[in-house]
Amino acid sequence: MLSVDPVIPGIAAIAPDLIAVRRQIHANPELAFQERATSDLVASLLTQWGYEVTRGLGKTGVVGVLKTGNGGRRIGLRADMDALPIEEATGLPYSSAVPKTMHACGHDGHTAMLLCAARYLAESRQFAGTLTLIFQPAEESYGGARAMIQDGLFEQFPCDAVFGLHNMPGYETGGMNFCTGPAMASVDRATIVLRGLGGHGALPHLSRDPMPAVAGIILALQSIVAREIDSQKSAVISVGSVKAGDTFNVIPQTAEMKLSIRALDPAVRDLLRQRITALVHAQAASFGVEAEIDYEWGYPVLVNHAEPTAFAAEVAQKMLGAQRVDTQAHPLMGSEDFAFMAEVVPGAYAWIGNGVEGKGSCMVHNPGYDFNDDILAIGASYWVRLTEAYLAD
């Protein structure tokens, strides 16, 4: 069940060119909805290779379409393009040339992998049907997938199934991992403002101090997960920021808290909102202060559909061998806006190992992270085999 070489020879021949493209993108990172140079590069290459290119969906998104033969099936492959507001600390020759902006999640590699596959598929054309390549902006907390969908992505470019792929440090280099059903968590945010009455630190009885309410809320929030969520289900409530006051002897008038809320079940997600809202107001009232909550729905649970996930996993097993493919990977509590696409079109999102030790092992969203170029040809070969299998004549 193992190919002689998991990397397609034609991919191996062009991979160095796309590694150079990856490093060019890495050195010139662009934040969400600002991926103009990256979009220009992607659009130029796709046009050069014979794709019908459409721009402007989701502001800076790029879609490339290639139709071959008489097949009626339609496949969508998605890569993300945006960087993060992080100062790079890798010291690499191709380090970011943009202050406080870095490809710290490997989107440069995802873009290059899909471009590598795009070039090969345009030259080989060993499929019959419609191939739609989706180069998406703003995955990092800004919902670029949702923006492209709202601009008519799947109305203009209908797909029978859509597939995504993300590198993952800590997983074997080039190995692949699949999870059917809930695969990545929803993520929502809540900003809580507690309003009391400021005063002198020596006379707290003449004030209404919001700080005890902050402490009570932080402790009580954890009881929601521990005592109100089914222990067989996953949920996370993290208090990421507390801001109040400026000096030692002044009781602050207000305090602000920022929460990140995650779940792997839509029902749990709804329950978290209900209970957080009720708890915050009750705790605030018990301390004699008022609470305002701005609860912001973020990315939904990413649910991998059974049929496309099984299909993609089988392609990976034939390519890599069953021992290098985990078809029952554990869900991750991180989030992904590919979830929006999978809500509209049957979808499958997979992970490709970036490395366990040394090169490629530094976790994403870290100033020392770098995409492992050794997996670019493997990922591109997977995209090619997936396309050829799904659009088989």
Protein backbone atom coordinates (compact mmCIF):
# COMPACT_ATOMS: atom_id res chain seq x y z
CA MET A 1 0.00 0.00 0.00
CA LEU A 2 3.07 2.24 -0.19
CA SER A 3 4.26 4.10 -3.25
CA VAL A 4 7.88 3.52 -4.23
CA ASP A 5 8.43 7.20 -3.49
CA PRO A 6 5.68 9.33 -1.94
CA VAL A 7 6.91 12.35 -3.89
CA ILE A 8 5.86 12.47 -7.52
CA PRO A 9 8.99 12.82 -9.72
CA GLY A 10 7.56 15.84 -11.52
CA ILE A 11 6.90 17.48 -8.16
CA ALA A 12 10.44 16.73 -6.99
CA ALA A 13 11.76 18.45 -10.13
CA ILE A 14 9.90 21.72 -9.53
CA ALA A 15 9.88 21.78 -5.72
CA PRO A 16 13.12 23.83 -5.45
CA ASP A 17 11.47 26.60 -7.49
CA LEU A 18 8.49 26.66 -5.13
CA ILE A 19 10.71 26.55 -2.05
CA ALA A 20 12.26 29.76 -3.40
CA VAL A 21 8.75 31.19 -3.79
CA ARG A 22 7.92 30.13 -0.22
CA ARG A 23 10.98 31.93 1.12
CA GLN A 24 10.16 35.01 -0.94
CA ILE A 25 6.70 35.09 0.65
CA HIS A 26 8.23 34.44 4.08
CA ALA A 27 10.57 37.40 3.74
CA ASN A 28 7.69 39.67 2.74
CA PRO A 29 4.81 38.77 5.07
CA GLU A 30 1.47 40.56 4.97
CA LEU A 31 -1.21 40.71 7.64
CA ALA A 32 -4.90 39.86 7.25
CA PHE A 33 -6.61 41.48 4.25
CA GLN A 34 -3.32 43.18 3.32
CA GLU A 35 -1.93 40.27 1.26
CA ARG A 36 -1.61 42.36 -1.89
CA ALA A 37 1.90 41.36 -3.00
CA THR A 38 1.24 37.73 -2.12
CA SER A 39 -2.02 37.81 -4.09
CA ASP A 40 -0.24 39.45 -7.03
CA LEU A 41 2.36 36.69 -7.01
CA VAL A 42 -0.19 33.89 -6.76
CA ALA A 43 -2.40 35.35 -9.48
CA SER A 44 0.56 35.91 -11.80
CA LEU A 45 1.81 32.34 -11.47
CA LEU A 46 -1.64 30.79 -11.90
CA THR A 47 -2.26 32.90 -15.01
CA GLN A 48 1.13 31.92 -16.38
CA TRP A 49 0.25 28.24 -15.92
CA GLY A 50 -3.09 28.51 -17.70
CA TYR A 51 -5.61 28.91 -14.88
CA GLU A 52 -8.65 31.13 -15.14
CA VAL A 53 -8.00 33.58 -12.31
CA THR A 54 -10.50 35.62 -10.32
CA ARG A 55 -9.47 38.17 -7.72
CA GLY A 56 -11.15 40.30 -5.10
CA LEU A 57 -13.22 37.73 -3.22
CA GLY A 58 -12.64 38.43 0.46
CA LYS A 59 -10.76 41.59 -0.59
CA THR A 60 -7.40 39.95 -1.37
CA GLY A 61 -8.44 36.36 -2.13
CA VAL A 62 -7.43 34.59 -5.34
CA VAL A 63 -9.28 31.75 -7.08
CA GLY A 64 -7.77 29.73 -9.90
CA VAL A 65 -9.88 27.35 -12.01
CA LEU A 66 -8.68 24.65 -14.40
CA LYS A 67 -11.14 22.47 -16.32
CA THR A 68 -9.96 19.35 -18.09
CA GLY A 69 -11.84 16.60 -19.91
CA ASN A 70 -15.55 15.91 -19.70
CA GLY A 71 -15.78 15.02 -16.02
CA GLY A 72 -18.56 16.68 -14.08
CA ARG A 73 -17.04 16.52 -10.60
CA ARG A 74 -15.66 19.65 -8.94
CA ILE A 75 -12.98 19.77 -6.23
CA GLY A 76 -11.81 22.72 -4.17
CA LEU A 77 -8.36 22.97 -2.58
CA ARG A 78 -7.69 25.78 -0.11
CA ALA A 79 -4.51 27.45 1.18
CA ASP A 80 -4.22 30.48 3.48
CA MET A 81 -1.88 33.41 2.83
CA ASP A 82 -1.76 35.79 5.82
CA ALA A 83 0.96 36.34 8.42
CA LEU A 84 0.88 37.20 12.12
CA PRO A 85 1.81 40.38 14.06
CA ILE A 86 4.92 38.77 15.58
CA GLU A 87 8.55 39.92 15.48
CA GLU A 88 10.58 37.10 13.90
CA ALA A 89 13.51 35.68 15.86
CA THR A 90 14.72 32.84 13.63
CA GLY A 91 17.83 34.55 12.23
CA LEU A 92 17.24 32.81 8.89
CA PRO A 93 18.62 34.31 5.67
CA TYR A 94 15.06 34.78 4.44
CA SER A 95 13.71 36.20 7.71
CA SER A 96 10.89 38.71 7.60
CA ALA A 97 11.89 42.10 6.25
CA VAL A 98 8.75 43.63 7.76
CA PRO A 99 8.92 44.74 11.41
CA LYS A 100 6.55 42.96 13.80
CA THR A 101 5.13 40.81 11.00
CA MET A 102 6.00 37.16 10.47
CA HIS A 103 4.81 33.97 8.83
CA ALA A 104 4.69 32.19 12.19
CA CYS A 105 2.00 29.66 11.23
CA GLY A 106 3.31 28.34 7.92
CA HIS A 107 0.82 29.97 5.59
CA ASP A 108 3.75 30.79 3.31
CA GLY A 109 4.35 27.04 3.08
CA HIS A 110 0.67 26.25 2.53
CA THR A 111 0.55 28.74 -0.34
CA ALA A 112 3.74 27.35 -1.90
CA MET A 113 2.58 23.72 -1.55
CA LEU A 114 -0.64 24.44 -3.39
CA LEU A 115 1.19 26.47 -6.04
CA CYS A 116 3.57 23.55 -6.55
CA ALA A 117 0.63 21.21 -7.09
CA ALA A 118 -1.06 23.78 -9.32
CA ARG A 119 1.93 23.98 -11.64
CA TYR A 120 2.24 20.21 -11.92
CA LEU A 121 -1.49 19.67 -12.50
CA ALA A 122 -1.56 22.34 -15.20
CA GLU A 123 1.26 20.56 -17.01
CA SER A 124 0.09 16.96 -16.54
CA ARG A 125 -3.72 17.36 -16.70
CA GLN A 126 -4.30 13.78 -15.60
CA PHE A 127 -7.83 14.42 -14.42
CA ALA A 128 -11.30 15.07 -15.79
CA GLY A 129 -13.38 17.72 -14.11
CA THR A 130 -13.05 21.13 -12.50
CA LEU A 131 -10.19 22.01 -10.17
CA THR A 132 -10.73 25.13 -8.04
CA LEU A 133 -7.79 26.50 -6.11
CA ILE A 134 -8.73 28.84 -3.26
CA PHE A 135 -6.00 31.12 -1.93
CA GLN A 136 -7.60 32.66 1.12
CA PRO A 137 -6.67 35.80 3.04
CA ALA A 138 -7.07 36.53 6.73
CA GLU A 139 -7.29 33.14 8.40
CA GLU A 140 -5.73 34.46 11.60
CA SER A 141 -8.77 35.64 13.59
CA TYR A 142 -10.32 37.75 10.83
CA GLY A 143 -12.47 35.22 9.00
CA GLY A 144 -11.15 35.45 5.46
CA ALA A 145 -13.00 32.24 4.56
CA ARG A 146 -16.29 33.77 5.66
CA ALA A 147 -15.48 36.94 3.68
CA MET A 148 -14.85 34.93 0.50
CA ILE A 149 -18.07 32.96 1.00
CA GLN A 150 -20.05 36.17 1.54
CA ASP A 151 -18.57 37.49 -1.71
CA GLY A 152 -20.02 34.48 -3.55
CA LEU A 153 -17.15 31.96 -3.54
CA PHE A 154 -19.22 28.81 -3.84
CA GLU A 155 -21.94 30.41 -5.97
CA GLN A 156 -19.34 31.42 -8.55
CA PHE A 157 -17.19 28.34 -8.11
CA PRO A 158 -19.37 25.39 -7.00
CA CYS A 159 -17.47 22.51 -5.41
CA ASP A 160 -18.64 19.00 -4.56
CA ALA A 161 -16.04 18.86 -1.80
CA VAL A 162 -13.40 21.20 -0.40
CA PHE A 163 -10.12 20.19 1.25
CA GLY A 164 -7.65 21.98 3.52
CA LEU A 165 -4.17 21.12 4.82
CA HIS A 166 -2.14 22.61 7.68
CA ASN A 167 1.38 21.87 8.88
CA MET A 168 1.72 20.71 12.48
CA PRO A 169 4.92 20.83 14.55
CA GLY A 170 5.20 17.90 16.92
CA TYR A 171 3.94 15.46 14.29
CA GLU A 172 6.29 13.22 12.27
CA THR A 173 7.81 15.04 9.30
CA GLY A 174 5.59 14.42 6.29
CA GLY A 175 3.18 12.14 8.12
CA MET A 176 -0.52 12.93 7.78
CA ASN A 177 -3.33 13.04 10.32
CA PHE A 178 -7.09 12.96 9.83
CA CYS A 179 -10.03 13.33 12.22
CA THR A 180 -13.64 12.65 11.26
CA GLY A 181 -16.29 14.82 12.88
CA PRO A 182 -15.34 17.74 15.16
CA ALA A 183 -11.66 18.36 14.38
CA MET A 184 -10.95 21.88 15.66
CA ALA A 185 -12.71 23.99 18.25
CA SER A 186 -14.98 26.96 17.90
CA VAL A 187 -13.49 30.16 19.28
CA ASP A 188 -15.47 33.08 20.68
CA ARG A 189 -14.42 36.18 22.61
CA ALA A 190 -15.99 38.09 25.45
CA THR A 191 -15.01 41.53 26.71
CA ILE A 192 -16.32 42.24 30.20
CA VAL A 193 -16.36 45.73 31.70
CA LEU A 194 -17.07 46.00 35.42
CA ARG A 195 -18.17 49.46 36.61
CA GLY A 196 -17.94 50.45 40.25
CA LEU A 197 -17.08 53.61 42.14
CA GLY A 198 -13.45 54.61 42.43
CA GLY A 199 -11.91 56.05 45.53
CA HIS A 200 -9.01 56.21 47.97
CA GLY A 201 -7.28 52.95 48.70
CA ALA A 202 -7.43 53.69 52.41
CA LEU A 203 -11.23 54.08 52.37
CA PRO A 204 -12.62 51.09 50.45
CA HIS A 205 -15.94 51.28 52.28
CA LEU A 206 -16.64 54.55 50.47
CA SER A 207 -16.06 52.94 47.10
CA ARG A 208 -17.44 50.05 45.08
CA ASP A 209 -14.30 48.19 44.11
CA PRO A 210 -14.56 46.15 40.84
CA MET A 211 -11.45 44.13 41.65
CA PRO A 212 -13.06 41.60 44.03
CA ALA A 213 -15.63 40.99 41.29
CA VAL A 214 -12.77 40.33 38.84
CA ALA A 215 -11.28 37.77 41.21
CA GLY A 216 -14.64 36.13 41.83
CA ILE A 217 -15.42 35.91 38.13
CA ILE A 218 -12.03 34.38 37.27
CA LEU A 219 -12.49 31.63 39.86
CA ALA A 220 -16.16 31.04 39.09
CA LEU A 221 -15.59 30.76 35.33
CA GLN A 222 -13.59 27.59 35.84
CA SER A 223 -16.53 26.00 37.64
CA ILE A 224 -18.52 26.19 34.40
CA VAL A 225 -16.13 23.81 32.66
CA ALA A 226 -15.59 21.64 35.74
CA ARG A 227 -19.21 21.36 36.89
CA GLU A 228 -21.60 22.32 34.10
CA ILE A 229 -20.07 20.79 30.97
CA ASP A 230 -20.32 17.05 30.31
CA SER A 231 -16.96 15.59 31.33
CA GLN A 232 -16.90 13.67 28.03
CA LYS A 233 -16.92 16.94 26.12
CA SER A 234 -14.22 19.58 25.69
CA ALA A 235 -14.39 23.25 26.61
CA VAL A 236 -11.87 25.95 27.49
CA ILE A 237 -12.40 29.35 29.09
CA SER A 238 -9.22 31.44 29.31
CA VAL A 239 -8.91 34.89 30.84
CA GLY A 240 -6.28 36.46 28.61
CA SER A 241 -6.30 40.03 29.89
CA VAL A 242 -7.28 42.03 32.96
CA LYS A 243 -6.84 45.80 32.98
CA ALA A 244 -7.70 48.09 35.89
CA GLY A 245 -6.20 51.08 37.66
CA ASP A 246 -2.86 52.84 37.34
CA THR A 247 -1.34 53.16 40.78
CA PHE A 248 -1.13 51.74 44.34
CA ASN A 249 -3.55 53.75 46.42
CA VAL A 250 -6.47 54.38 44.07
CA ILE A 251 -9.41 52.00 43.82
CA PRO A 252 -10.25 51.87 40.09
CA GLN A 253 -13.59 52.94 38.74
CA THR A 254 -13.66 50.19 36.11
CA ALA A 255 -11.97 46.89 35.27
CA GLU A 256 -11.86 45.14 31.91
CA MET A 257 -11.47 41.42 31.26
CA LYS A 258 -10.94 39.65 27.94
CA LEU A 259 -11.93 36.00 27.56
CA SER A 260 -11.26 33.32 24.94
CA ILE A 261 -13.91 30.59 24.84
CA ARG A 262 -13.56 27.29 22.95
CA ALA A 263 -15.64 24.16 22.42
CA LEU A 264 -15.82 21.10 20.15
CA ASP A 265 -19.62 20.85 20.23
CA PRO A 266 -22.04 23.55 19.02
CA ALA A 267 -24.41 22.81 21.91
CA VAL A 268 -21.59 23.26 24.42
CA ARG A 269 -20.64 26.48 22.65
CA ASP A 270 -24.18 27.83 23.17
CA LEU A 271 -24.22 26.70 26.80
CA LEU A 272 -20.92 28.46 27.49
CA ARG A 273 -22.33 31.76 26.29
CA GLN A 274 -25.45 31.39 28.42
CA ARG A 275 -23.60 30.43 31.59
CA ILE A 276 -20.76 32.97 31.22
CA THR A 277 -23.27 35.77 30.72
CA ALA A 278 -25.37 34.74 33.72
CA LEU A 279 -22.36 34.14 35.96
CA VAL A 280 -20.72 37.48 35.20
CA HIS A 281 -23.86 39.47 35.97
CA ALA A 282 -24.50 37.49 39.16
CA GLN A 283 -20.94 37.85 40.42
CA ALA A 284 -20.90 41.57 39.63
CA ALA A 285 -24.17 42.10 41.49
CA SER A 286 -22.89 40.20 44.52
CA PHE A 287 -20.02 42.70 44.80
CA GLY A 288 -22.19 45.75 44.17
CA VAL A 289 -20.84 46.62 40.72
CA GLU A 290 -22.36 46.58 37.24
CA ALA A 291 -21.24 44.40 34.34
CA GLU A 292 -21.35 44.89 30.59
CA ILE A 293 -20.51 41.97 28.28
CA ASP A 294 -19.63 42.19 24.60
CA TYR A 295 -19.82 38.56 23.47
CA GLU A 296 -18.38 38.09 19.98
CA TRP A 297 -19.09 34.92 18.01
CA GLY A 298 -15.91 33.82 16.25
CA TYR A 299 -15.12 30.70 14.25
CA PRO A 300 -17.51 27.73 14.47
CA VAL A 301 -16.49 24.16 15.24
CA LEU A 302 -14.59 22.70 12.29
CA VAL A 303 -16.47 19.51 11.44
CA ASN A 304 -14.86 17.13 8.97
CA HIS A 305 -17.45 15.31 6.87
CA ALA A 306 -17.15 11.54 6.87
CA GLU A 307 -17.06 10.82 3.12
CA PRO A 308 -14.44 13.37 1.96
CA THR A 309 -12.32 12.69 5.06
CA ALA A 310 -12.29 8.95 4.42
CA PHE A 311 -11.50 9.58 0.76
CA ALA A 312 -8.60 11.92 1.57
CA ALA A 313 -7.20 9.56 4.21
CA GLU A 314 -7.23 6.68 1.73
CA VAL A 315 -5.32 8.80 -0.79
CA ALA A 316 -2.74 9.63 1.89
CA GLN A 317 -2.41 5.97 2.94
CA LYS A 318 -1.79 4.84 -0.63
CA MET A 319 0.82 7.56 -0.96
CA LEU A 320 2.65 7.29 2.38
CA GLY A 321 1.73 3.86 3.72
CA ALA A 322 -0.76 3.21 6.51
CA GLN A 323 1.91 3.46 9.21
CA ARG A 324 2.48 7.16 8.40
CA VAL A 325 -1.18 8.15 8.34
CA ASP A 326 -3.27 8.54 11.48
CA THR A 327 -6.94 8.28 10.53
CA GLN A 328 -8.13 8.73 14.13
CA ALA A 329 -6.21 11.81 15.20
CA HIS A 330 -7.43 13.65 18.26
CA PRO A 331 -9.30 16.94 17.71
CA LEU A 332 -7.39 20.13 18.48
CA MET A 333 -8.65 22.98 20.65
CA GLY A 334 -7.13 25.47 18.23
CA SER A 335 -9.52 26.99 15.70
CA GLU A 336 -9.60 27.37 11.91
CA ASP A 337 -11.86 29.39 9.66
CA PHE A 338 -11.90 26.55 7.13
CA ALA A 339 -14.85 25.68 9.39
CA PHE A 340 -16.94 28.23 7.49
CA MET A 341 -16.23 26.44 4.21
CA ALA A 342 -17.10 23.06 5.70
CA GLU A 343 -20.45 24.48 6.82
CA VAL A 344 -21.33 25.21 3.17
CA VAL A 345 -19.61 22.39 1.25
CA PRO A 346 -18.67 18.89 2.45
CA GLY A 347 -15.10 19.31 3.64
CA ALA A 348 -12.04 17.58 5.03
CA TYR A 349 -9.20 19.31 6.84
CA ALA A 350 -5.95 17.43 7.52
CA TRP A 351 -2.61 18.01 9.22
CA ILE A 352 0.84 17.25 7.79
CA GLY A 353 3.70 16.80 10.24
CA ASN A 354 6.25 19.63 10.34
CA GLY A 355 8.71 17.70 12.53
CA VAL A 356 9.07 16.23 16.02
CA GLU A 357 12.61 17.27 16.96
CA GLY A 358 14.95 19.96 15.69
CA LYS A 359 13.99 21.35 12.32
CA GLY A 360 10.28 21.99 12.06
CA SER A 361 9.48 21.21 15.70
CA CYS A 362 9.05 24.78 16.99
CA MET A 363 5.33 25.38 17.61
CA VAL A 364 3.35 27.74 15.43
CA HIS A 365 2.68 31.32 16.61
CA ASN A 366 6.20 31.38 18.05
CA PRO A 367 8.92 33.90 16.98
CA GLY A 368 11.26 30.96 16.32
CA TYR A 369 8.91 28.97 14.07
CA ASP A 370 9.67 28.13 10.43
CA PHE A 371 7.82 25.99 7.91
CA ASN A 372 9.78 22.82 7.13
CA ASP A 373 10.64 22.93 3.42
CA ASP A 374 11.20 19.15 3.49
CA ILE A 375 7.43 18.63 3.54
CA LEU A 376 6.58 20.95 0.65
CA ALA A 377 6.97 18.27 -2.04
CA ILE A 378 5.08 15.73 0.07
CA GLY A 379 2.18 18.10 0.60
CA ALA A 380 2.12 19.06 -3.07
CA SER A 381 2.15 15.39 -4.09
CA TYR A 382 -0.80 14.77 -1.77
CA TRP A 383 -2.73 17.60 -3.42
CA VAL A 384 -1.98 16.16 -6.87
CA ARG A 385 -2.97 12.59 -5.95
CA LEU A 386 -6.11 13.82 -4.20
CA THR A 387 -7.14 15.81 -7.27
CA GLU A 388 -6.39 13.01 -9.71
CA ALA A 389 -8.27 10.48 -7.58
CA TYR A 390 -11.30 12.70 -6.98
CA LEU A 391 -11.48 13.80 -10.61
CA ALA A 392 -10.62 10.42 -12.09
CA ASP A 393 -11.89 9.96 -15.64
